[in-house]
Amino acid sequence: METKRVEIPGSVLDDLCSRFILHIPSEERDNAIRVCFQIELAHWFYLDFYMQNTPGLPQCGIRDFAKADILFVT
């Protein structure tokens, strides 16, 4: 099953990554569970705050969001 590419604006992804991903302590960055947990928190923040306050943002599930987030960070 192929996931679609979600077009979340770079400014939104930049904010979410700086809030949730970039500040993971260095000793936890190699822990996939910890990183996935932070991506999940970023997804909930996106749904609860960005989507509620910014009309026109794409709605996406965790899989599409994680893909967009990881592609943005790398």
PDB file of N, CA and C in Angstrom:
ATOM      1  N   MET A   1       0.845  -1.179   0.000  1.00  0.00           N
ATOM      2  CA  MET A   1       0.000   0.000   0.000  1.00  0.00           C
ATOM      3  C   MET A   1       0.890   1.242   0.000  1.00  0.00           C
ATOM      4  N   GLU A   2       0.728   2.059  -0.983  1.00  0.00           N
ATOM      5  CA  GLU A   2       1.532   3.268  -1.094  1.00  0.00           C
ATOM      6  C   GLU A   2       0.784   4.435  -0.459  1.00  0.00           C
ATOM      7  N   THR A   3       1.515   5.235   0.294  1.00  0.00           N
ATOM      8  CA  THR A   3       0.897   6.402   0.915  1.00  0.00           C
ATOM      9  C   THR A   3       1.063   7.605   0.009  1.00  0.00           C
ATOM     10  N   LYS A   4       0.100   8.500   0.083  1.00  0.00           N
ATOM     11  CA  LYS A   4       0.171   9.711  -0.740  1.00  0.00           C
ATOM     12  C   LYS A   4       1.117  10.722  -0.098  1.00  0.00           C
ATOM     13  N   ARG A   5       1.626  11.611  -0.903  1.00  0.00           N
ATOM     14  CA  ARG A   5       2.507  12.666  -0.390  1.00  0.00           C
ATOM     15  C   ARG A   5       1.628  13.820   0.072  1.00  0.00           C
ATOM     16  N   VAL A   6       1.735  14.155   1.325  1.00  0.00           N
ATOM     17  CA  VAL A   6       0.951  15.234   1.912  1.00  0.00           C
ATOM     18  C   VAL A   6       1.757  16.517   1.801  1.00  0.00           C
ATOM     19  N   GLU A   7       1.124  17.582   1.364  1.00  0.00           N
ATOM     20  CA  GLU A   7       1.798  18.870   1.194  1.00  0.00           C
ATOM     21  C   GLU A   7       1.539  19.775   2.403  1.00  0.00           C
ATOM     22  N   ILE A   8       2.242  19.510   3.467  1.00  0.00           N
ATOM     23  CA  ILE A   8       2.179  20.364   4.654  1.00  0.00           C
ATOM     24  C   ILE A   8       3.205  21.470   4.441  1.00  0.00           C
ATOM     25  N   PRO A   9       2.824  22.725   4.629  1.00  0.00           N
ATOM     26  CA  PRO A   9       3.775  23.824   4.404  1.00  0.00           C
ATOM     27  C   PRO A   9       5.062  23.661   5.214  1.00  0.00           C
ATOM     28  N   GLY A  10       6.165  24.055   4.599  1.00  0.00           N
ATOM     29  CA  GLY A  10       7.467  23.942   5.245  1.00  0.00           C
ATOM     30  C   GLY A  10       7.551  24.693   6.556  1.00  0.00           C
ATOM     31  N   SER A  11       6.877  25.837   6.638  1.00  0.00           N
ATOM     32  CA  SER A  11       6.922  26.613   7.884  1.00  0.00           C
ATOM     33  C   SER A  11       6.260  25.854   9.034  1.00  0.00           C
ATOM     34  N   VAL A  12       5.205  25.103   8.721  1.00  0.00           N
ATOM     35  CA  VAL A  12       4.527  24.299   9.745  1.00  0.00           C
ATOM     36  C   VAL A  12       5.429  23.146  10.173  1.00  0.00           C
ATOM     37  N   LEU A  13       5.999  22.439   9.198  1.00  0.00           N
ATOM     38  CA  LEU A  13       6.892  21.331   9.523  1.00  0.00           C
ATOM     39  C   LEU A  13       8.121  21.814  10.285  1.00  0.00           C
ATOM     40  N   ASP A  14       8.623  22.977   9.904  1.00  0.00           N
ATOM     41  CA  ASP A  14       9.780  23.548  10.598  1.00  0.00           C
ATOM     42  C   ASP A  14       9.449  23.801  12.068  1.00  0.00           C
ATOM     43  N   ASP A  15       8.294  24.383  12.328  1.00  0.00           N
ATOM     44  CA  ASP A  15       7.882  24.648  13.706  1.00  0.00           C
ATOM     45  C   ASP A  15       7.703  23.344  14.479  1.00  0.00           C
ATOM     46  N   LEU A  16       7.022  22.374  13.876  1.00  0.00           N
ATOM     47  CA  LEU A  16       6.777  21.107  14.558  1.00  0.00           C
ATOM     48  C   LEU A  16       8.076  20.356  14.840  1.00  0.00           C
ATOM     49  N   CYS A  17       8.979  20.368  13.874  1.00  0.00           N
ATOM     50  CA  CYS A  17      10.265  19.687  14.078  1.00  0.00           C
ATOM     51  C   CYS A  17      11.073  20.360  15.176  1.00  0.00           C
ATOM     52  N   SER A  18      11.037  21.687  15.211  1.00  0.00           N
ATOM     53  CA  SER A  18      11.798  22.372  16.260  1.00  0.00           C
ATOM     54  C   SER A  18      11.169  22.162  17.638  1.00  0.00           C
ATOM     55  N   ARG A  19       9.867  21.981  17.698  1.00  0.00           N
ATOM     56  CA  ARG A  19       9.198  21.733  18.979  1.00  0.00           C
ATOM     57  C   ARG A  19       9.393  20.300  19.476  1.00  0.00           C
ATOM     58  N   PHE A  20       9.338  19.330  18.551  1.00  0.00           N
ATOM     59  CA  PHE A  20       9.235  17.933  18.971  1.00  0.00           C
ATOM     60  C   PHE A  20      10.396  17.029  18.555  1.00  0.00           C
ATOM     61  N   ILE A  21      11.057  17.307  17.453  1.00  0.00           N
ATOM     62  CA  ILE A  21      12.045  16.364  16.930  1.00  0.00           C
ATOM     63  C   ILE A  21      13.475  16.787  17.237  1.00  0.00           C
ATOM     64  N   LEU A  22      13.806  18.017  16.958  1.00  0.00           N
ATOM     65  CA  LEU A  22      15.194  18.459  17.063  1.00  0.00           C
ATOM     66  C   LEU A  22      15.723  18.504  18.490  1.00  0.00           C
ATOM     67  N   HIS A  23      14.838  18.549  19.459  1.00  0.00           N
ATOM     68  CA  HIS A  23      15.271  18.659  20.852  1.00  0.00           C
ATOM     69  C   HIS A  23      15.226  17.330  21.604  1.00  0.00           C
ATOM     70  N   ILE A  24      15.168  16.223  20.854  1.00  0.00           N
ATOM     71  CA  ILE A  24      15.272  14.917  21.506  1.00  0.00           C
ATOM     72  C   ILE A  24      16.700  14.796  22.042  1.00  0.00           C
ATOM     73  N   PRO A  25      16.860  14.438  23.299  1.00  0.00           N
ATOM     74  CA  PRO A  25      18.220  14.304  23.844  1.00  0.00           C
ATOM     75  C   PRO A  25      19.067  13.343  23.002  1.00  0.00           C
ATOM     76  N   SER A  26      20.330  13.648  22.860  1.00  0.00           N
ATOM     77  CA  SER A  26      21.214  12.875  21.980  1.00  0.00           C
ATOM     78  C   SER A  26      21.249  11.393  22.344  1.00  0.00           C
ATOM     79  N   GLU A  27      21.147  11.068  23.615  1.00  0.00           N
ATOM     80  CA  GLU A  27      21.185   9.662  24.015  1.00  0.00           C
ATOM     81  C   GLU A  27      19.907   8.907  23.635  1.00  0.00           C
ATOM     82  N   GLU A  28      18.854   9.617  23.250  1.00  0.00           N
ATOM     83  CA  GLU A  28      17.593   8.977  22.870  1.00  0.00           C
ATOM     84  C   GLU A  28      17.340   9.007  21.364  1.00  0.00           C
ATOM     85  N   ARG A  29      18.183   9.658  20.598  1.00  0.00           N
ATOM     86  CA  ARG A  29      17.959   9.783  19.151  1.00  0.00           C
ATOM     87  C   ARG A  29      18.038   8.462  18.407  1.00  0.00           C
ATOM     88  N   ASP A  30      18.779   7.501  18.931  1.00  0.00           N
ATOM     89  CA  ASP A  30      18.893   6.193  18.285  1.00  0.00           C
ATOM     90  C   ASP A  30      17.775   5.242  18.694  1.00  0.00           C
ATOM     91  N   ASN A  31      16.909   5.679  19.580  1.00  0.00           N
ATOM     92  CA  ASN A  31      15.795   4.861  20.047  1.00  0.00           C
ATOM     93  C   ASN A  31      14.584   5.137  19.155  1.00  0.00           C
ATOM     94  N   ALA A  32      14.264   4.186  18.271  1.00  0.00           N
ATOM     95  CA  ALA A  32      13.177   4.369  17.306  1.00  0.00           C
ATOM     96  C   ALA A  32      11.839   4.617  17.996  1.00  0.00           C
ATOM     97  N   ILE A  33      11.611   3.974  19.117  1.00  0.00           N
ATOM     98  CA  ILE A  33      10.348   4.161  19.836  1.00  0.00           C
ATOM     99  C   ILE A  33      10.231   5.596  20.331  1.00  0.00           C
ATOM    100  N   ARG A  34      11.302   6.133  20.859  1.00  0.00           N
ATOM    101  CA  ARG A  34      11.304   7.521  21.359  1.00  0.00           C
ATOM    102  C   ARG A  34      11.052   8.510  20.225  1.00  0.00           C
ATOM    103  N   VAL A  35      11.713   8.300  19.094  1.00  0.00           N
ATOM    104  CA  VAL A  35      11.539   9.188  17.943  1.00  0.00           C
ATOM    105  C   VAL A  35      10.105   9.093  17.418  1.00  0.00           C
ATOM    106  N   CYS A  36       9.572   7.877  17.310  1.00  0.00           N
ATOM    107  CA  CYS A  36       8.188   7.710  16.840  1.00  0.00           C
ATOM    108  C   CYS A  36       7.195   8.351  17.802  1.00  0.00           C
ATOM    109  N   PHE A  37       7.465   8.271  19.093  1.00  0.00           N
ATOM    110  CA  PHE A  37       6.611   8.918  20.083  1.00  0.00           C
ATOM    111  C   PHE A  37       6.587  10.429  19.861  1.00  0.00           C
ATOM    112  N   GLN A  38       7.737  11.016  19.597  1.00  0.00           N
ATOM    113  CA  GLN A  38       7.807  12.459  19.351  1.00  0.00           C
ATOM    114  C   GLN A  38       7.080  12.833  18.059  1.00  0.00           C
ATOM    115  N   ILE A  39       7.187  11.990  17.034  1.00  0.00           N
ATOM    116  CA  ILE A  39       6.454  12.240  15.787  1.00  0.00           C
ATOM    117  C   ILE A  39       4.956  12.183  16.057  1.00  0.00           C
ATOM    118  N   GLU A  40       4.530  11.232  16.883  1.00  0.00           N
ATOM    119  CA  GLU A  40       3.112  11.142  17.238  1.00  0.00           C
ATOM    120  C   GLU A  40       2.650  12.394  17.984  1.00  0.00           C
ATOM    121  N   LEU A  41       3.456  12.894  18.909  1.00  0.00           N
ATOM    122  CA  LEU A  41       3.108  14.133  19.616  1.00  0.00           C
ATOM    123  C   LEU A  41       3.000  15.306  18.642  1.00  0.00           C
ATOM    124  N   ALA A  42       3.918  15.376  17.695  1.00  0.00           N
ATOM    125  CA  ALA A  42       3.878  16.440  16.685  1.00  0.00           C
ATOM    126  C   ALA A  42       2.612  16.327  15.842  1.00  0.00           C
ATOM    127  N   HIS A  43       2.210  15.101  15.512  1.00  0.00           N
ATOM    128  CA  HIS A  43       0.984  14.891  14.729  1.00  0.00           C
ATOM    129  C   HIS A  43      -0.240  15.379  15.499  1.00  0.00           C
ATOM    130  N   TRP A  44      -0.318  15.037  16.774  1.00  0.00           N
ATOM    131  CA  TRP A  44      -1.449  15.500  17.587  1.00  0.00           C
ATOM    132  C   TRP A  44      -1.461  17.024  17.695  1.00  0.00           C
ATOM    133  N   PHE A  45      -0.304  17.632  17.850  1.00  0.00           N
ATOM    134  CA  PHE A  45      -0.217  19.089  17.905  1.00  0.00           C
ATOM    135  C   PHE A  45      -0.707  19.687  16.587  1.00  0.00           C
ATOM    136  N   TYR A  46      -0.302  19.089  15.481  1.00  0.00           N
ATOM    137  CA  TYR A  46      -0.742  19.539  14.156  1.00  0.00           C
ATOM    138  C   TYR A  46      -2.269  19.479  14.053  1.00  0.00           C
ATOM    139  N   LEU A  47      -2.854  18.350  14.456  1.00  0.00           N
ATOM    140  CA  LEU A  47      -4.311  18.194  14.382  1.00  0.00           C
ATOM    141  C   LEU A  47      -5.033  19.150  15.326  1.00  0.00           C
ATOM    142  N   ASP A  48      -4.543  19.260  16.552  1.00  0.00           N
ATOM    143  CA  ASP A  48      -5.242  20.043  17.573  1.00  0.00           C
ATOM    144  C   ASP A  48      -5.073  21.548  17.427  1.00  0.00           C
ATOM    145  N   PHE A  49      -3.931  21.997  16.947  1.00  0.00           N
ATOM    146  CA  PHE A  49      -3.676  23.432  16.897  1.00  0.00           C
ATOM    147  C   PHE A  49      -3.607  23.987  15.478  1.00  0.00           C
ATOM    148  N   TYR A  50      -2.784  23.401  14.649  1.00  0.00           N
ATOM    149  CA  TYR A  50      -2.650  23.946  13.296  1.00  0.00           C
ATOM    150  C   TYR A  50      -3.924  23.776  12.478  1.00  0.00           C
ATOM    151  N   MET A  51      -4.487  22.579  12.463  1.00  0.00           N
ATOM    152  CA  MET A  51      -5.680  22.353  11.638  1.00  0.00           C
ATOM    153  C   MET A  51      -6.877  23.141  12.147  1.00  0.00           C
ATOM    154  N   GLN A  52      -6.959  23.334  13.451  1.00  0.00           N
ATOM    155  CA  GLN A  52      -8.081  24.086  14.016  1.00  0.00           C
ATOM    156  C   GLN A  52      -7.986  25.576  13.710  1.00  0.00           C
ATOM    157  N   ASN A  53      -6.769  26.086  13.590  1.00  0.00           N
ATOM    158  CA  ASN A  53      -6.571  27.528  13.441  1.00  0.00           C
ATOM    159  C   ASN A  53      -6.156  27.977  12.049  1.00  0.00           C
ATOM    160  N   THR A  54      -5.876  27.048  11.151  1.00  0.00           N
ATOM    161  CA  THR A  54      -5.406  27.404   9.816  1.00  0.00           C
ATOM    162  C   THR A  54      -6.224  26.667   8.771  1.00  0.00           C
ATOM    163  N   PRO A  55      -7.212  27.337   8.180  1.00  0.00           N
ATOM    164  CA  PRO A  55      -8.013  26.677   7.152  1.00  0.00           C
ATOM    165  C   PRO A  55      -7.156  26.328   5.934  1.00  0.00           C
ATOM    166  N   GLY A  56      -7.482  25.213   5.309  1.00  0.00           N
ATOM    167  CA  GLY A  56      -6.798  24.828   4.085  1.00  0.00           C
ATOM    168  C   GLY A  56      -5.640  23.875   4.270  1.00  0.00           C
ATOM    169  N   LEU A  57      -5.232  23.627   5.508  1.00  0.00           N
ATOM    170  CA  LEU A  57      -4.160  22.654   5.717  1.00  0.00           C
ATOM    171  C   LEU A  57      -4.693  21.252   5.449  1.00  0.00           C
ATOM    172  N   PRO A  58      -3.861  20.389   4.884  1.00  0.00           N
ATOM    173  CA  PRO A  58      -4.343  19.044   4.571  1.00  0.00           C
ATOM    174  C   PRO A  58      -4.530  18.203   5.830  1.00  0.00           C
ATOM    175  N   GLN A  59      -5.613  17.436   5.831  1.00  0.00           N
ATOM    176  CA  GLN A  59      -5.827  16.485   6.913  1.00  0.00           C
ATOM    177  C   GLN A  59      -5.079  15.215   6.536  1.00  0.00           C
ATOM    178  N   CYS A  60      -4.398  14.623   7.491  1.00  0.00           N
ATOM    179  CA  CYS A  60      -3.641  13.415   7.183  1.00  0.00           C
ATOM    180  C   CYS A  60      -3.554  12.524   8.409  1.00  0.00           C
ATOM    181  N   GLY A  61      -3.402  11.248   8.144  1.00  0.00           N
ATOM    182  CA  GLY A  61      -3.206  10.286   9.213  1.00  0.00           C
ATOM    183  C   GLY A  61      -1.760  10.291   9.670  1.00  0.00           C
ATOM    184  N   ILE A  62      -1.490   9.513  10.686  1.00  0.00           N
ATOM    185  CA  ILE A  62      -0.152   9.484  11.263  1.00  0.00           C
ATOM    186  C   ILE A  62       0.879   8.989  10.261  1.00  0.00           C
ATOM    187  N   ARG A  63       0.527   8.023   9.416  1.00  0.00           N
ATOM    188  CA  ARG A  63       1.493   7.482   8.454  1.00  0.00           C
ATOM    189  C   ARG A  63       1.936   8.549   7.458  1.00  0.00           C
ATOM    190  N   ASP A  64       0.984   9.263   6.873  1.00  0.00           N
ATOM    191  CA  ASP A  64       1.324  10.312   5.906  1.00  0.00           C
ATOM    192  C   ASP A  64       2.048  11.469   6.583  1.00  0.00           C
ATOM    193  N   PHE A  65       1.633  11.793   7.798  1.00  0.00           N
ATOM    194  CA  PHE A  65       2.298  12.864   8.537  1.00  0.00           C
ATOM    195  C   PHE A  65       3.743  12.485   8.841  1.00  0.00           C
ATOM    196  N   ALA A  66       3.955  11.279   9.321  1.00  0.00           N
ATOM    197  CA  ALA A  66       5.313  10.834   9.656  1.00  0.00           C
ATOM    198  C   ALA A  66       6.202  10.850   8.422  1.00  0.00           C
ATOM    199  N   LYS A  67       5.657  10.416   7.300  1.00  0.00           N
ATOM    200  CA  LYS A  67       6.437  10.421   6.058  1.00  0.00           C
ATOM    201  C   LYS A  67       6.832  11.849   5.685  1.00  0.00           C
ATOM    202  N   ALA A  68       5.889  12.777   5.751  1.00  0.00           N
ATOM    203  CA  ALA A  68       6.183  14.177   5.426  1.00  0.00           C
ATOM    204  C   ALA A  68       7.203  14.748   6.404  1.00  0.00           C
ATOM    205  N   ASP A  69       7.060  14.420   7.667  1.00  0.00           N
ATOM    206  CA  ASP A  69       7.957  14.929   8.705  1.00  0.00           C
ATOM    207  C   ASP A  69       9.376  14.391   8.519  1.00  0.00           C
ATOM    208  N   ILE A  70       9.490  13.106   8.278  1.00  0.00           N
ATOM    209  CA  ILE A  70      10.812  12.498   8.101  1.00  0.00           C
ATOM    210  C   ILE A  70      11.482  13.020   6.837  1.00  0.00           C
ATOM    211  N   LEU A  71      10.720  13.148   5.750  1.00  0.00           N
ATOM    212  CA  LEU A  71      11.296  13.686   4.513  1.00  0.00           C
ATOM    213  C   LEU A  71      11.748  15.128   4.703  1.00  0.00           C
ATOM    214  N   PHE A  72      11.036  15.885   5.518  1.00  0.00           N
ATOM    215  CA  PHE A  72      11.403  17.278   5.766  1.00  0.00           C
ATOM    216  C   PHE A  72      12.702  17.370   6.565  1.00  0.00           C
ATOM    217  N   VAL A  73      12.841  16.519   7.558  1.00  0.00           N
ATOM    218  CA  VAL A  73      14.009  16.567   8.435  1.00  0.00           C
ATOM    219  C   VAL A  73      15.271  16.094   7.717  1.00  0.00           C
ATOM    220  N   THR A  74      15.134  15.117   6.842  1.00  0.00           N
ATOM    221  CA  THR A  74      16.329  14.560   6.182  1.00  0.00           C
ATOM    222  C   THR A  74      16.806  15.374   5.030  1.00  0.00           C
TER     223      THR A  74
END
